[in-house]
């Protein structure tokens, strides 16, 4: 059986559907999920991640 692939909404990399999390049909890979949980408002990635997460809603 072929594994289904998705694209991470944060970094854009392809990910297997069984890896990471999905919110409203949008995937977040395990790497970005960890990055988000450790993110602070002073992080250089904060604004980029915030803008990408807004696409979910």
Protein backbone atom coordinates (compact mmCIF):
# COMPACT_ATOMS: atom_id res chain seq x y z
CA UNK A 1 0.00 0.00 0.00
CA UNK A 2 1.35 3.42 -0.99
CA UNK A 3 1.70 5.97 1.81
CA UNK A 4 -0.29 9.18 1.44
CA UNK A 5 1.75 12.35 1.38
CA UNK A 6 0.88 15.88 2.46
CA UNK A 7 2.68 19.21 2.58
CA UNK A 8 3.59 20.95 5.84
CA UNK A 9 1.86 24.33 6.01
CA UNK A 10 4.79 25.82 7.96
CA UNK A 11 7.92 24.71 6.06
CA UNK A 12 6.38 23.40 2.83
CA UNK A 13 8.20 20.07 2.92
CA UNK A 14 6.43 16.86 2.00
CA UNK A 15 5.46 14.67 4.94
CA UNK A 16 3.78 11.33 5.42
CA UNK A 17 0.23 11.65 6.72
CA UNK A 18 1.03 9.54 9.78
CA UNK A 19 3.76 11.97 10.85
CA UNK A 20 3.02 15.30 12.51
CA UNK A 21 -0.46 16.70 13.14
CA UNK A 22 -3.40 17.87 11.04
CA UNK A 23 -5.68 20.80 11.85
CA UNK A 24 -8.67 21.42 9.62
CA UNK A 25 -7.01 19.31 6.93
CA UNK A 26 -3.68 21.20 7.03
CA UNK A 27 -0.53 19.30 7.98
CA UNK A 28 2.27 20.35 10.31
CA UNK A 29 5.32 18.08 10.24
CA UNK A 30 6.87 16.77 13.46
CA UNK A 31 9.87 19.11 13.11
CA UNK A 32 7.69 22.22 12.80
CA UNK A 33 5.37 21.02 15.56
CA UNK A 34 8.39 20.89 17.90
CA UNK A 35 9.59 24.29 16.67
CA UNK A 36 6.16 25.82 17.37
CA UNK A 37 6.00 24.42 20.91
CA UNK A 38 9.40 25.97 21.70
CA UNK A 39 8.74 29.28 19.89
CA UNK A 40 8.97 32.63 21.64
CA UNK A 41 7.74 35.98 20.35
CA UNK A 42 11.36 37.11 19.94
CA UNK A 43 12.27 34.18 17.70
CA UNK A 44 13.36 35.10 14.16
CA UNK A 45 10.83 32.51 12.86
CA UNK A 46 7.85 33.85 14.82
CA UNK A 47 6.28 36.09 12.16
CA UNK A 48 6.75 33.57 9.34
CA UNK A 49 5.19 30.76 11.36
CA UNK A 50 2.36 33.02 12.53
CA UNK A 51 1.49 33.95 8.93
CA UNK A 52 1.55 30.31 7.78
CA UNK A 53 -0.64 29.18 10.68
CA UNK A 54 -3.23 31.85 9.81
CA UNK A 55 -3.83 29.96 6.55
CA UNK A 56 -5.53 27.21 8.57
CA UNK A 57 -8.41 29.50 9.43
